[in-house]
Amino acid sequence: MNGKIVQGKYELFLQKYNEGVRKYIPIYREEYMSLVQWQIYRS
């Protein structure tokens, strides 16, 4: 298999992955903070 093709596919994958992470992180942070606050509130 050609190394350049593999590298290209990998870079494309990273690009899509980074876009997904950028969209997801704010949501995740909100969920995580509310979960932490809920646990503090419960204890």
PDB file of N, CA and C in Angstrom:
ATOM      1  N   MET A   1       0.845  -1.198   0.000  1.00  0.00           N
ATOM      2  CA  MET A   1       0.000   0.000   0.000  1.00  0.00           C
ATOM      3  C   MET A   1       0.882   1.250   0.000  1.00  0.00           C
ATOM      4  N   ASN A   2       0.429   2.247  -0.719  1.00  0.00           N
ATOM      5  CA  ASN A   2       1.198   3.478  -0.847  1.00  0.00           C
ATOM      6  C   ASN A   2       1.134   4.299   0.444  1.00  0.00           C
ATOM      7  N   GLY A   3       2.294   4.685   0.940  1.00  0.00           N
ATOM      8  CA  GLY A   3       2.367   5.446   2.188  1.00  0.00           C
ATOM      9  C   GLY A   3       1.686   6.796   2.102  1.00  0.00           C
ATOM     10  N   LYS A   4       1.760   7.430   0.916  1.00  0.00           N
ATOM     11  CA  LYS A   4       1.161   8.760   0.758  1.00  0.00           C
ATOM     12  C   LYS A   4      -0.357   8.692   0.878  1.00  0.00           C
ATOM     13  N   ILE A   5      -0.950   7.648   0.316  1.00  0.00           N
ATOM     14  CA  ILE A   5      -2.404   7.473   0.380  1.00  0.00           C
ATOM     15  C   ILE A   5      -2.829   7.289   1.835  1.00  0.00           C
ATOM     16  N   VAL A   6      -2.094   6.463   2.550  1.00  0.00           N
ATOM     17  CA  VAL A   6      -2.403   6.209   3.961  1.00  0.00           C
ATOM     18  C   VAL A   6      -2.311   7.505   4.752  1.00  0.00           C
ATOM     19  N   GLN A   7      -1.249   8.275   4.503  1.00  0.00           N
ATOM     20  CA  GLN A   7      -1.057   9.541   5.211  1.00  0.00           C
ATOM     21  C   GLN A   7      -2.204  10.504   4.916  1.00  0.00           C
ATOM     22  N   GLY A   8      -2.610  10.567   3.649  1.00  0.00           N
ATOM     23  CA  GLY A   8      -3.711  11.449   3.255  1.00  0.00           C
ATOM     24  C   GLY A   8      -5.000  11.075   3.965  1.00  0.00           C
ATOM     25  N   LYS A   9      -5.302   9.780   3.994  1.00  0.00           N
ATOM     26  CA  LYS A   9      -6.517   9.308   4.667  1.00  0.00           C
ATOM     27  C   LYS A   9      -6.445   9.613   6.156  1.00  0.00           C
ATOM     28  N   TYR A  10      -5.275   9.444   6.736  1.00  0.00           N
ATOM     29  CA  TYR A  10      -5.090   9.685   8.165  1.00  0.00           C
ATOM     30  C   TYR A  10      -5.291  11.162   8.486  1.00  0.00           C
ATOM     31  N   GLU A  11      -4.732  12.043   7.629  1.00  0.00           N
ATOM     32  CA  GLU A  11      -4.880  13.483   7.859  1.00  0.00           C
ATOM     33  C   GLU A  11      -6.340  13.899   7.744  1.00  0.00           C
ATOM     34  N   LEU A  12      -7.044  13.304   6.767  1.00  0.00           N
ATOM     35  CA  LEU A  12      -8.464  13.597   6.590  1.00  0.00           C
ATOM     36  C   LEU A  12      -9.241  13.159   7.831  1.00  0.00           C
ATOM     37  N   PHE A  13      -8.897  11.976   8.332  1.00  0.00           N
ATOM     38  CA  PHE A  13      -9.539  11.451   9.535  1.00  0.00           C
ATOM     39  C   PHE A  13      -9.300  12.389  10.716  1.00  0.00           C
ATOM     40  N   LEU A  14      -8.063  12.847  10.880  1.00  0.00           N
ATOM     41  CA  LEU A  14      -7.733  13.752  11.983  1.00  0.00           C
ATOM     42  C   LEU A  14      -8.525  15.044  11.883  1.00  0.00           C
ATOM     43  N   GLN A  15      -8.650  15.555  10.646  1.00  0.00           N
ATOM     44  CA  GLN A  15      -9.382  16.796  10.431  1.00  0.00           C
ATOM     45  C   GLN A  15     -10.834  16.631  10.877  1.00  0.00           C
ATOM     46  N   LYS A  16     -11.477  15.547  10.430  1.00  0.00           N
ATOM     47  CA  LYS A  16     -12.871  15.294  10.790  1.00  0.00           C
ATOM     48  C   LYS A  16     -12.994  15.065  12.287  1.00  0.00           C
ATOM     49  N   TYR A  17     -12.042  14.344  12.859  1.00  0.00           N
ATOM     50  CA  TYR A  17     -12.050  14.050  14.291  1.00  0.00           C
ATOM     51  C   TYR A  17     -11.957  15.342  15.094  1.00  0.00           C
ATOM     52  N   ASN A  18     -11.038  16.235  14.681  1.00  0.00           N
ATOM     53  CA  ASN A  18     -10.861  17.501  15.386  1.00  0.00           C
ATOM     54  C   ASN A  18     -12.118  18.359  15.318  1.00  0.00           C
ATOM     55  N   GLU A  19     -12.778  18.377  14.147  1.00  0.00           N
ATOM     56  CA  GLU A  19     -14.019  19.138  14.011  1.00  0.00           C
ATOM     57  C   GLU A  19     -15.071  18.591  14.960  1.00  0.00           C
ATOM     58  N   GLY A  20     -15.182  17.266  15.014  1.00  0.00           N
ATOM     59  CA  GLY A  20     -16.152  16.632  15.894  1.00  0.00           C
ATOM     60  C   GLY A  20     -15.871  16.951  17.353  1.00  0.00           C
ATOM     61  N   VAL A  21     -14.608  16.883  17.731  1.00  0.00           N
ATOM     62  CA  VAL A  21     -14.218  17.162  19.115  1.00  0.00           C
ATOM     63  C   VAL A  21     -14.531  18.606  19.471  1.00  0.00           C
ATOM     64  N   ARG A  22     -14.256  19.520  18.544  1.00  0.00           N
ATOM     65  CA  ARG A  22     -14.493  20.936  18.807  1.00  0.00           C
ATOM     66  C   ARG A  22     -15.975  21.201  19.056  1.00  0.00           C
ATOM     67  N   LYS A  23     -16.844  20.482  18.331  1.00  0.00           N
ATOM     68  CA  LYS A  23     -18.283  20.655  18.537  1.00  0.00           C
ATOM     69  C   LYS A  23     -18.715  20.006  19.839  1.00  0.00           C
ATOM     70  N   TYR A  24     -18.076  18.903  20.194  1.00  0.00           N
ATOM     71  CA  TYR A  24     -18.544  18.073  21.309  1.00  0.00           C
ATOM     72  C   TYR A  24     -18.053  18.558  22.667  1.00  0.00           C
ATOM     73  N   ILE A  25     -16.842  19.121  22.723  1.00  0.00           N
ATOM     74  CA  ILE A  25     -16.232  19.501  24.004  1.00  0.00           C
ATOM     75  C   ILE A  25     -17.107  20.456  24.829  1.00  0.00           C
ATOM     76  N   PRO A  26     -17.667  21.532  24.238  1.00  0.00           N
ATOM     77  CA  PRO A  26     -18.497  22.423  25.069  1.00  0.00           C
ATOM     78  C   PRO A  26     -19.678  21.689  25.701  1.00  0.00           C
ATOM     79  N   ILE A  27     -20.313  20.802  24.941  1.00  0.00           N
ATOM     80  CA  ILE A  27     -21.436  20.018  25.456  1.00  0.00           C
ATOM     81  C   ILE A  27     -20.952  19.132  26.600  1.00  0.00           C
ATOM     82  N   TYR A  28     -19.826  18.460  26.379  1.00  0.00           N
ATOM     83  CA  TYR A  28     -19.269  17.553  27.380  1.00  0.00           C
ATOM     84  C   TYR A  28     -18.936  18.310  28.656  1.00  0.00           C
ATOM     85  N   ARG A  29     -18.363  19.498  28.514  1.00  0.00           N
ATOM     86  CA  ARG A  29     -17.966  20.275  29.680  1.00  0.00           C
ATOM     87  C   ARG A  29     -19.197  20.655  30.492  1.00  0.00           C
ATOM     88  N   GLU A  30     -20.261  21.071  29.809  1.00  0.00           N
ATOM     89  CA  GLU A  30     -21.511  21.420  30.493  1.00  0.00           C
ATOM     90  C   GLU A  30     -22.047  20.227  31.272  1.00  0.00           C
ATOM     91  N   GLU A  31     -22.115  19.086  30.601  1.00  0.00           N
ATOM     92  CA  GLU A  31     -22.640  17.867  31.224  1.00  0.00           C
ATOM     93  C   GLU A  31     -21.801  17.498  32.439  1.00  0.00           C
ATOM     94  N   TYR A  32     -20.484  17.563  32.268  1.00  0.00           N
ATOM     95  CA  TYR A  32     -19.566  17.169  33.338  1.00  0.00           C
ATOM     96  C   TYR A  32     -19.732  18.088  34.540  1.00  0.00           C
ATOM     97  N   MET A  33     -19.798  19.395  34.304  1.00  0.00           N
ATOM     98  CA  MET A  33     -19.920  20.341  35.403  1.00  0.00           C
ATOM     99  C   MET A  33     -21.239  20.142  36.147  1.00  0.00           C
ATOM    100  N   SER A  34     -22.315  19.923  35.403  1.00  0.00           N
ATOM    101  CA  SER A  34     -23.608  19.732  36.064  1.00  0.00           C
ATOM    102  C   SER A  34     -23.603  18.432  36.868  1.00  0.00           C
ATOM    103  N   LEU A  35     -22.907  17.421  36.358  1.00  0.00           N
ATOM    104  CA  LEU A  35     -22.802  16.150  37.079  1.00  0.00           C
ATOM    105  C   LEU A  35     -22.028  16.344  38.383  1.00  0.00           C
ATOM    106  N   VAL A  36     -20.925  17.075  38.322  1.00  0.00           N
ATOM    107  CA  VAL A  36     -20.113  17.347  39.512  1.00  0.00           C
ATOM    108  C   VAL A  36     -20.930  18.130  40.533  1.00  0.00           C
ATOM    109  N   GLN A  37     -21.636  19.160  40.077  1.00  0.00           N
ATOM    110  CA  GLN A  37     -22.443  19.972  40.983  1.00  0.00           C
ATOM    111  C   GLN A  37     -23.534  19.134  41.632  1.00  0.00           C
ATOM    112  N   TRP A  38     -24.125  18.219  40.845  1.00  0.00           N
ATOM    113  CA  TRP A  38     -25.175  17.345  41.365  1.00  0.00           C
ATOM    114  C   TRP A  38     -24.625  16.431  42.454  1.00  0.00           C
ATOM    115  N   GLN A  39     -23.412  15.932  42.261  1.00  0.00           N
ATOM    116  CA  GLN A  39     -22.803  15.048  43.258  1.00  0.00           C
ATOM    117  C   GLN A  39     -22.438  15.817  44.524  1.00  0.00           C
ATOM    118  N   ILE A  40     -21.971  17.045  44.361  1.00  0.00           N
ATOM    119  CA  ILE A  40     -21.661  17.888  45.525  1.00  0.00           C
ATOM    120  C   ILE A  40     -22.963  18.173  46.285  1.00  0.00           C
ATOM    121  N   TYR A  41     -24.017  18.482  45.544  1.00  0.00           N
ATOM    122  CA  TYR A  41     -25.316  18.800  46.133  1.00  0.00           C
ATOM    123  C   TYR A  41     -25.876  17.605  46.897  1.00  0.00           C
ATOM    124  N   ARG A  42     -25.666  16.412  46.347  1.00  0.00           N
ATOM    125  CA  ARG A  42     -26.215  15.195  46.948  1.00  0.00           C
ATOM    126  C   ARG A  42     -25.492  14.805  48.228  1.00  0.00           C
ATOM    127  N   SER A  43     -24.196  15.016  48.285  1.00  0.00           N
ATOM    128  CA  SER A  43     -23.404  14.521  49.419  1.00  0.00           C
ATOM    129  C   SER A  43     -23.602  15.376  50.673  1.00  0.00           C
TER     130      SER A  43
END
